């Protein structure tokens, strides 16, 4: 007898890909088969996800034959209240290491479960990301804590579940949104885990005990042979799905879009429209930097133009703000020497550099863009002179800046990087700060104050 296990990960609200998955699964999945997802299905760049904190988006995933999933960091971004609501509503999700910020279990969220298929007892364990780059402990909790959540040590959580279910299962599957580097350690440390279905690092990998399917681009398929009380992998592959018509899913998707548009379309008041240019000083970026400078104690604000996509024109709504500021980036405050600021500003005048795609953690925009600054800064192109409150920038002086976590990680502008533990993060996304500032006359009075001369 054979059992097929289908697997996705890191779909990131790519509903066109989900449409293909939906059709394939519903056509091929049998009563004895299983379909799992390893997290980062719901991305806040999506209007559908934003409109009701993932409820409608997960309905589309469940309608595609999903048996079980675990949460990735993008689902955790939805926040504790939303996650508790999704669990109460019956979303088939498990996570052995996701808890409240105070360390309490999330009501109704199971660490693992046992599924019976064709007489085989499958122990399924879920893991959310805990280790950061270089196996840094609690590598994500500074951000998770902003939404009243945290993850606990992954290896201990897995060990606890294996011991708790000892003797009650025949085959173990770990749904891990930990990244391949961590998953390799899990494979080494837990030889009793039969199969890991991974995610987070966006790798495309298939071998006898492991599968990860890129970033919403392939469907993993693992075929198990069950014979004489022995279970083994006889096939592990990544399927390229073909674009075909799927009218039933398309109708569900279009209804979801209409619902999202309705929830997000309420017009917001704005004093005046704000023009945008990704490569030159502009009103929108001046406004944003001044909003940061006003709201957070700092010497000045600095921001990459790539945070925005286009001019902010009427009618402004939550929908248009999400479209204009798609990145899930937070206001971030930290200290840094003047010479590193100067290096970044110099790089911002390199036209080839600022026209790069800007890819990086949390970034959902199009290009890196130049750098903008708050109204108390003057940058003289000739000789790259920088004045802060009329005083020349000092290379050895330490300045407190407010920006976002994209620049704090050094993405695009490496000299602005500092460790996470040296930074303070605000719980809001940048677009939320923009929304709160749309009727602030003080900020609009300064949008045309030149900063680069």
Protein backbone atom coordinates (compact mmCIF):
# COMPACT_ATOMS: atom_id res chain seq x y z
CA UNK A 1 0.00 0.00 0.00
CA UNK A 2 1.14 3.54 -0.70
CA UNK A 3 0.37 6.82 1.10
CA UNK A 4 1.04 10.15 -0.63
CA UNK A 5 2.08 13.14 1.43
CA UNK A 6 1.75 16.52 -0.27
CA UNK A 7 3.57 19.55 1.08
CA UNK A 8 3.82 23.32 0.59
CA UNK A 9 5.71 26.07 2.40
CA UNK A 10 6.30 29.82 2.14
CA UNK A 11 3.43 30.56 -0.22
CA UNK A 12 3.49 34.18 1.05
CA UNK A 13 -0.06 34.95 -0.10
CA UNK A 14 0.66 33.85 -3.66
CA UNK A 15 -2.94 32.90 -4.37
CA UNK A 16 -2.24 32.17 -8.02
CA UNK A 17 0.08 29.37 -6.87
CA UNK A 18 -2.51 28.22 -4.31
CA UNK A 19 -5.03 27.98 -7.14
CA UNK A 20 -2.75 25.48 -8.87
CA UNK A 21 -2.19 23.57 -5.61
CA UNK A 22 -5.93 23.51 -5.00
CA UNK A 23 -6.64 21.95 -8.35
CA UNK A 24 -3.85 19.37 -8.14
CA UNK A 25 -4.66 18.29 -4.57
CA UNK A 26 -8.40 17.99 -5.14
CA UNK A 27 -7.78 15.95 -8.30
CA UNK A 28 -5.10 13.63 -6.91
CA UNK A 29 -5.44 13.38 -3.13
CA UNK A 30 -7.04 10.11 -1.97
CA UNK A 31 -8.68 9.21 1.32
CA UNK A 32 -5.40 7.80 2.64
CA UNK A 33 -3.27 10.80 1.55
CA UNK A 34 -2.20 13.87 3.54
CA UNK A 35 -1.54 17.53 2.69
CA UNK A 36 0.61 19.66 5.03
CA UNK A 37 1.90 23.25 4.97
CA UNK A 38 4.98 24.42 6.88
CA UNK A 39 4.09 28.06 7.39
CA UNK A 40 4.42 31.55 5.93
CA UNK A 41 1.29 30.97 3.92
CA UNK A 42 -0.28 34.28 5.04
CA UNK A 43 1.73 37.40 4.20
CA UNK A 44 0.59 40.83 5.39
CA UNK A 45 1.43 42.31 1.99
CA UNK A 46 -1.88 40.82 0.86
CA UNK A 47 -5.07 42.87 1.06
CA UNK A 48 -6.99 39.66 1.72
CA UNK A 49 -4.80 38.85 4.72
CA UNK A 50 -4.83 42.42 5.99
CA UNK A 51 -8.59 42.84 5.73
CA UNK A 52 -9.54 40.29 8.40
CA UNK A 53 -6.19 39.16 9.83
CA UNK A 54 -6.00 36.01 7.73
CA UNK A 55 -9.45 34.49 8.27
CA UNK A 56 -10.52 34.49 4.62
CA UNK A 57 -7.03 33.60 3.38
CA UNK A 58 -6.93 30.48 5.55
CA UNK A 59 -10.38 29.49 4.31
CA UNK A 60 -8.85 29.34 0.82
CA UNK A 61 -6.00 27.15 2.09
CA UNK A 62 -8.29 24.78 4.00
CA UNK A 63 -10.55 24.49 0.95
CA UNK A 64 -7.53 23.12 -0.90
CA UNK A 65 -7.55 19.91 1.12
CA UNK A 66 -5.22 20.98 3.92
CA UNK A 67 -4.93 18.46 6.77
CA UNK A 68 -2.54 20.36 9.03
CA UNK A 69 -0.09 23.27 9.09
CA UNK A 70 2.32 25.00 11.41
CA UNK A 71 2.84 28.72 11.84
CA UNK A 72 5.73 30.64 10.29
CA UNK A 73 6.93 34.08 11.31
CA UNK A 74 4.49 35.73 8.90
CA UNK A 75 1.51 34.12 10.63
CA UNK A 76 2.93 35.21 13.99
CA UNK A 77 2.94 38.79 12.66
CA UNK A 78 -0.85 38.59 12.70
CA UNK A 79 -0.66 38.93 16.50
CA UNK A 80 -1.85 36.99 19.52
CA UNK A 81 -5.51 37.98 19.29
CA UNK A 82 -5.77 36.96 15.65
CA UNK A 83 -3.97 33.67 16.20
CA UNK A 84 -6.20 32.80 19.15
CA UNK A 85 -9.25 33.60 17.04
CA UNK A 86 -8.03 31.45 14.13
CA UNK A 87 -7.41 28.54 16.50
CA UNK A 88 -10.87 28.95 18.08
CA UNK A 89 -12.42 28.88 14.62
CA UNK A 90 -10.86 25.49 13.97
CA UNK A 91 -7.85 26.23 11.76
CA UNK A 92 -5.93 22.90 11.61
CA UNK A 93 -2.64 24.21 13.03
CA UNK A 94 -0.07 22.94 15.52
CA UNK A 95 3.03 24.47 17.09
CA UNK A 96 5.11 22.96 19.86
CA UNK A 97 7.08 26.12 20.61
CA UNK A 98 4.75 29.11 20.08
CA UNK A 99 3.47 30.62 23.34
CA UNK A 100 2.30 33.97 24.67
CA UNK A 101 4.92 36.59 25.53
CA UNK A 102 4.46 35.62 29.20
CA UNK A 103 5.18 31.97 28.39
CA UNK A 104 1.62 30.65 28.67
CA UNK A 105 0.12 28.20 26.21
CA UNK A 106 -2.17 29.64 23.55
CA UNK A 107 -5.71 28.35 24.24
CA UNK A 108 -6.61 25.54 21.86
CA UNK A 109 -3.24 25.46 20.05
CA UNK A 110 -1.88 21.92 20.23
CA UNK A 111 1.85 21.17 20.09
CA UNK A 112 1.34 17.99 18.09
CA UNK A 113 -1.32 15.51 17.06
CA UNK A 114 -1.67 11.91 15.92
CA UNK A 115 -3.44 11.30 12.59
CA UNK A 116 -4.57 7.82 11.53
CA UNK A 117 -4.36 6.94 7.85
CA UNK A 118 -4.77 3.42 6.49
CA UNK A 119 -3.94 1.95 9.86
CA UNK A 120 -0.77 4.06 10.25
CA UNK A 121 -0.51 6.38 13.25
CA UNK A 122 1.28 9.57 12.15
CA UNK A 123 2.69 11.77 14.93
CA UNK A 124 2.78 15.32 13.53
CA UNK A 125 4.78 17.99 15.41
CA UNK A 126 4.90 21.69 14.49
CA UNK A 127 7.72 24.22 14.97
CA UNK A 128 7.80 28.00 14.50
CA UNK A 129 11.16 29.80 14.04
CA UNK A 130 13.28 30.18 17.17
CA UNK A 131 16.93 30.28 16.08
CA UNK A 132 18.14 33.25 14.06
CA UNK A 133 21.13 33.43 11.74
CA UNK A 134 24.14 31.62 13.20
CA UNK A 135 21.86 29.70 15.58
CA UNK A 136 21.21 32.79 17.63
CA UNK A 137 18.86 31.87 20.47
CA UNK A 138 15.50 33.66 20.50
CA UNK A 139 16.45 35.14 17.14
CA UNK A 140 12.90 36.29 16.40
CA UNK A 141 11.47 37.11 19.80
CA UNK A 142 12.26 40.83 19.70
CA UNK A 143 9.73 41.07 16.88
CA UNK A 144 7.32 38.41 18.14
CA UNK A 145 7.10 40.21 21.49
CA UNK A 146 5.66 43.25 19.68
CA UNK A 147 2.51 41.17 19.09
CA UNK A 148 2.52 39.52 22.56
CA UNK A 149 4.02 36.21 21.42
CA UNK A 150 7.32 34.36 21.56
CA UNK A 151 8.86 31.04 20.58
CA UNK A 152 10.66 28.72 22.98
CA UNK A 153 13.63 26.42 22.40
CA UNK A 154 12.90 24.17 19.43
CA UNK A 155 14.92 21.06 20.24
CA UNK A 156 13.51 20.80 23.75
CA UNK A 157 9.98 21.24 22.41
CA UNK A 158 10.45 18.38 19.92
CA UNK A 159 11.94 16.12 22.59
CA UNK A 160 8.98 16.79 24.87
CA UNK A 161 6.48 15.77 22.17
CA UNK A 162 8.38 12.60 21.24
CA UNK A 163 8.45 11.48 24.86
CA UNK A 164 4.82 12.44 25.48
CA UNK A 165 3.60 10.25 22.60
CA UNK A 166 6.07 7.39 23.06
CA UNK A 167 4.57 4.08 21.98
CA UNK A 168 1.50 5.74 20.45
CA UNK A 169 2.67 6.32 16.88
CA UNK A 170 4.23 4.51 13.93
CA UNK A 171 5.72 7.36 11.90
CA UNK A 172 6.88 10.86 12.84
CA UNK A 173 6.59 13.98 10.67
CA UNK A 174 7.91 17.36 11.78
CA UNK A 175 6.44 20.47 10.15
CA UNK A 176 9.29 22.90 10.67
CA UNK A 177 9.42 26.58 9.81
CA UNK A 178 12.98 26.80 11.09
CA UNK A 179 15.08 26.94 7.91
CA UNK A 180 17.28 24.24 6.42
CA UNK A 181 20.33 24.93 8.61
CA UNK A 182 18.31 24.25 11.77
CA UNK A 183 16.45 21.36 10.14
CA UNK A 184 19.74 19.61 9.37
CA UNK A 185 20.59 19.71 13.08
CA UNK A 186 17.14 18.37 13.90
CA UNK A 187 17.68 15.47 11.50
CA UNK A 188 21.02 14.68 13.17
CA UNK A 189 19.74 15.04 16.74
CA UNK A 190 16.49 13.13 16.25
CA UNK A 191 17.06 10.02 14.12
CA UNK A 192 13.63 8.83 15.30
CA UNK A 193 11.99 11.61 13.25
CA UNK A 194 11.11 9.92 9.99
CA UNK A 195 10.44 12.99 7.86
CA UNK A 196 10.86 16.77 8.14
CA UNK A 197 8.78 19.04 5.92
CA UNK A 198 10.62 22.33 6.09
CA UNK A 199 10.22 26.00 5.30
CA UNK A 200 11.50 29.51 6.04
CA UNK A 201 14.79 29.39 4.12
CA UNK A 202 13.04 29.07 0.72
CA UNK A 203 15.21 26.13 -0.36
CA UNK A 204 14.10 23.50 -2.85
CA UNK A 205 15.35 20.20 -1.43
CA UNK A 206 14.22 16.58 -1.59
CA UNK A 207 15.93 13.63 0.06
CA UNK A 208 14.65 10.57 1.88
CA UNK A 209 14.02 12.31 5.23
CA UNK A 210 13.52 15.91 4.11
CA UNK A 211 11.47 18.08 1.77
CA UNK A 212 11.26 21.84 1.28
CA UNK A 213 9.51 23.39 -1.70
CA UNK A 214 11.07 26.80 -2.32
CA UNK A 215 8.91 29.90 -2.00
CA UNK A 216 5.43 29.09 -3.23
CA UNK A 217 6.67 27.62 -6.46
CA UNK A 218 6.56 23.82 -6.17
CA UNK A 219 4.43 21.15 -4.57
CA UNK A 220 6.33 18.55 -2.57
CA UNK A 221 5.22 14.93 -2.93
CA UNK A 222 6.51 12.11 -0.77
CA UNK A 223 5.31 8.58 -1.40
CA UNK A 224 5.41 6.13 1.50
CA UNK A 225 5.31 2.37 1.07
CA UNK A 226 3.54 0.55 3.89
CA UNK A 227 4.21 -3.18 3.97
CA UNK A 228 4.69 -5.80 6.70
CA UNK A 229 4.59 -3.12 9.42
CA UNK A 230 7.43 -1.25 7.69
CA UNK A 231 7.11 2.27 6.33
CA UNK A 232 9.67 3.76 3.97
CA UNK A 233 9.99 6.63 1.50
CA UNK A 234 9.99 5.30 -2.05
CA UNK A 235 9.61 8.66 -3.81
CA UNK A 236 10.44 12.28 -2.86
CA UNK A 237 9.99 14.89 -5.55
CA UNK A 238 9.06 18.49 -6.26
CA UNK A 239 6.20 18.94 -8.72
CA UNK A 240 6.05 21.88 -11.12
CA UNK A 241 2.38 22.78 -11.31
CA UNK A 242 0.91 23.91 -14.60
CA UNK A 243 -1.29 26.97 -14.91
CA UNK A 244 -4.77 25.72 -15.76
CA UNK A 245 -8.31 26.95 -15.30
CA UNK A 246 -9.80 26.43 -11.84
CA UNK A 247 -13.14 28.20 -11.96
CA UNK A 248 -14.35 27.06 -8.54
CA UNK A 249 -11.25 28.38 -6.74
CA UNK A 250 -11.21 31.52 -8.87
CA UNK A 251 -14.75 32.31 -7.75
CA UNK A 252 -13.76 31.87 -4.08
CA UNK A 253 -10.70 34.06 -4.64
CA UNK A 254 -12.62 36.84 -6.38
CA UNK A 255 -15.18 36.86 -3.57
CA UNK A 256 -12.33 37.11 -1.07
CA UNK A 257 -10.90 40.10 -2.97
CA UNK A 258 -14.26 41.83 -3.03
CA UNK A 259 -14.67 41.27 0.70
CA UNK A 260 -11.16 42.66 1.36
CA UNK A 261 -11.79 45.70 -0.83
CA UNK A 262 -15.01 46.40 1.03
CA UNK A 263 -13.36 46.16 4.44
CA UNK A 264 -10.35 48.29 3.49
CA UNK A 265 -11.84 50.86 1.10
CA UNK A 266 -13.13 53.44 3.60
CA UNK A 267 -11.60 56.78 2.59
CA UNK A 268 -9.16 58.37 5.02
CA UNK A 269 -8.74 62.12 5.27
CA UNK A 270 -5.41 63.62 4.19
CA UNK A 271 -4.38 67.29 4.24
CA UNK A 272 -2.84 67.12 0.78
CA UNK A 273 -1.48 64.59 -1.67
CA UNK A 274 2.21 63.65 -1.41
CA UNK A 275 4.40 63.15 -4.47
CA UNK A 276 6.95 60.32 -4.60
CA UNK A 277 10.19 59.65 -6.44
CA UNK A 278 12.23 56.54 -5.56
CA UNK A 279 15.54 58.09 -6.55
CA UNK A 280 15.31 61.78 -5.61
CA UNK A 281 14.15 63.88 -2.67
CA UNK A 282 10.36 64.04 -2.63
CA UNK A 283 7.39 65.13 -0.52
CA UNK A 284 6.31 61.66 0.61
CA UNK A 285 9.70 60.66 1.96
CA UNK A 286 10.20 64.04 3.64
CA UNK A 287 6.81 63.57 5.30
CA UNK A 288 7.62 60.04 6.46
CA UNK A 289 11.01 60.99 7.92
CA UNK A 290 9.47 63.94 9.76
CA UNK A 291 6.73 61.69 11.14
CA UNK A 292 9.40 59.33 12.49
CA UNK A 293 11.41 62.23 13.91
CA UNK A 294 8.34 63.70 15.62
CA UNK A 295 7.17 60.41 17.14
CA UNK A 296 10.47 58.99 18.38
CA UNK A 297 13.22 60.65 20.38
CA UNK A 298 16.30 60.77 18.17
CA UNK A 299 18.92 63.04 16.64
CA UNK A 300 17.32 62.61 13.22
CA UNK A 301 15.36 60.20 11.01
CA UNK A 302 16.66 58.40 7.94
CA UNK A 303 14.74 56.13 5.58
CA UNK A 304 15.19 54.28 2.26
CA UNK A 305 12.86 55.42 -0.53
CA UNK A 306 12.08 51.77 -1.32
CA UNK A 307 9.71 51.68 1.66
CA UNK A 308 7.14 53.32 -0.64
CA UNK A 309 5.87 52.41 -4.09
CA UNK A 310 4.14 55.51 -5.49
CA UNK A 311 2.71 58.93 -4.72
CA UNK A 312 0.05 59.11 -2.02
CA UNK A 313 -2.99 60.48 -3.85
CA UNK A 314 -6.68 60.68 -3.05
CA UNK A 315 -8.69 58.68 -2.29
CA UNK A 316 -6.44 57.38 0.47
CA UNK A 317 -7.62 54.25 2.30
CA UNK A 318 -6.13 51.39 4.27
CA UNK A 319 -6.12 49.52 0.97
CA UNK A 320 -4.05 52.18 -0.80
CA UNK A 321 -1.68 52.43 2.18
CA UNK A 322 -1.03 48.68 2.08
CA UNK A 323 -0.44 48.86 -1.66
CA UNK A 324 1.86 51.87 -1.25
CA UNK A 325 3.76 50.55 1.80
CA UNK A 326 3.68 46.75 1.34
CA UNK A 327 6.76 45.98 3.44
CA UNK A 328 6.27 44.67 6.97
CA UNK A 329 8.86 46.94 8.58
CA UNK A 330 8.76 48.67 11.95
CA UNK A 331 10.07 52.01 13.24
CA UNK A 332 13.47 51.21 14.77
CA UNK A 333 15.68 53.30 17.05
CA UNK A 334 19.38 52.74 17.69
CA UNK A 335 22.75 54.47 18.06
CA UNK A 336 25.51 54.53 15.47
CA UNK A 337 28.78 56.45 14.78
CA UNK A 338 28.72 59.38 12.39
CA UNK A 339 31.25 57.84 10.02
CA UNK A 340 28.84 54.95 9.31
CA UNK A 341 26.04 57.41 8.58
CA UNK A 342 28.30 59.32 6.23
CA UNK A 343 29.21 56.12 4.38
CA UNK A 344 25.53 55.29 3.84
CA UNK A 345 24.69 58.78 2.60
CA UNK A 346 27.59 58.64 0.14
CA UNK A 347 26.31 55.29 -1.16
CA UNK A 348 22.83 56.79 -1.61
CA UNK A 349 24.16 58.97 -4.44
CA UNK A 350 25.31 55.92 -6.43
CA UNK A 351 22.58 55.61 -9.07
CA UNK A 352 23.41 51.99 -9.94
CA UNK A 353 23.24 51.02 -6.27
CA UNK A 354 19.91 52.64 -5.44
CA UNK A 355 18.22 51.08 -8.48
CA UNK A 356 18.72 47.54 -7.14
CA UNK A 357 15.71 45.40 -6.26
CA UNK A 358 16.16 45.92 -2.53
CA UNK A 359 15.41 42.32 -1.55
CA UNK A 360 15.71 41.58 2.13
CA UNK A 361 13.89 40.39 5.23
CA UNK A 362 10.51 42.07 5.61
CA UNK A 363 10.87 43.95 2.31
CA UNK A 364 8.00 43.73 -0.16
CA UNK A 365 8.84 46.70 -2.37
CA UNK A 366 10.29 47.14 -5.85
CA UNK A 367 13.64 48.95 -5.51
CA UNK A 368 16.12 49.88 -2.80
CA UNK A 369 15.93 53.61 -3.52
CA UNK A 370 17.96 56.50 -2.15
CA UNK A 371 17.96 57.81 1.42
CA UNK A 372 15.69 60.48 2.86
CA UNK A 373 16.22 62.41 6.10
CA UNK A 374 14.19 64.52 8.54
CA UNK A 375 13.91 68.30 8.18
CA UNK A 376 16.69 69.04 10.71
CA UNK A 377 19.32 67.54 8.38
CA UNK A 378 21.00 69.21 5.41
CA UNK A 379 23.09 67.20 2.95
CA UNK A 380 25.33 69.16 0.61
CA UNK A 381 26.10 67.10 -2.47
CA UNK A 382 29.38 68.84 -3.03
CA UNK A 383 31.85 67.07 -0.79
CA UNK A 384 28.96 65.17 0.88
CA UNK A 385 28.73 67.57 3.81
CA UNK A 386 26.12 66.60 6.40
CA UNK A 387 24.69 69.08 8.90
CA UNK A 388 22.44 68.02 11.79
CA UNK A 389 20.68 70.94 13.44
CA UNK A 390 23.23 73.15 11.65
CA UNK A 391 26.22 71.31 13.16
CA UNK A 392 28.55 69.24 10.93
CA UNK A 393 28.31 65.47 11.32
CA UNK A 394 31.21 64.16 13.41
CA UNK A 395 32.63 60.80 12.38
CA UNK A 396 33.42 59.62 15.92
CA UNK A 397 30.28 60.96 17.57
CA UNK A 398 27.47 58.53 18.39
CA UNK A 399 24.07 59.53 17.02
CA UNK A 400 20.65 58.16 17.86
CA UNK A 401 18.70 57.57 14.67
CA UNK A 402 15.16 56.42 13.91
CA UNK A 403 14.64 54.36 10.76
CA UNK A 404 13.25 50.87 10.12
CA UNK A 405 14.51 47.34 10.77
CA UNK A 406 15.47 46.92 7.10
CA UNK A 407 18.24 49.52 7.39
CA UNK A 408 19.05 48.40 10.93
CA UNK A 409 19.94 44.97 9.49
CA UNK A 410 22.22 46.70 6.99
CA UNK A 411 20.17 45.62 3.97
CA UNK A 412 21.09 47.82 1.03
CA UNK A 413 23.18 50.12 3.22
CA UNK A 414 25.60 47.84 5.13
CA UNK A 415 27.20 50.62 7.20
CA UNK A 416 23.88 51.26 9.00
CA UNK A 417 23.75 47.75 10.47
CA UNK A 418 23.72 47.06 14.21
CA UNK A 419 22.81 43.90 16.13
CA UNK A 420 19.16 43.39 17.01
CA UNK A 421 19.91 43.65 20.73
CA UNK A 422 21.16 47.20 20.19
CA UNK A 423 17.88 48.36 18.67
CA UNK A 424 14.42 49.22 19.97
CA UNK A 425 11.43 48.38 17.79
CA UNK A 426 7.98 49.96 17.71
CA UNK A 427 5.02 47.58 17.42
CA UNK A 428 3.49 49.42 14.45
CA UNK A 429 4.37 48.94 10.82
CA UNK A 430 5.62 52.02 8.95
CA UNK A 431 2.32 52.30 7.06
CA UNK A 432 0.43 52.50 10.36
CA UNK A 433 2.53 55.49 11.40
CA UNK A 434 1.75 57.10 8.03
CA UNK A 435 -1.97 56.51 8.57
CA UNK A 436 -1.83 58.14 12.01
CA UNK A 437 -0.08 61.21 10.55
CA UNK A 438 -2.29 62.00 7.56
CA UNK A 439 -3.97 64.98 9.27
CA UNK A 440 -0.93 66.43 11.06
CA UNK A 441 -0.52 70.03 9.76
CA UNK A 442 2.94 70.37 11.30
CA UNK A 443 4.27 67.55 9.12
CA UNK A 444 2.64 68.83 5.93
CA UNK A 445 4.08 72.30 6.54
CA UNK A 446 7.58 70.87 6.08
CA UNK A 447 7.17 68.56 3.08
CA UNK A 448 8.85 71.04 0.74
CA UNK A 449 11.73 71.90 3.08
CA UNK A 450 14.80 70.88 1.07
CA UNK A 451 17.19 68.48 2.78
CA UNK A 452 19.56 67.71 -0.12
CA UNK A 453 21.13 70.86 -1.58
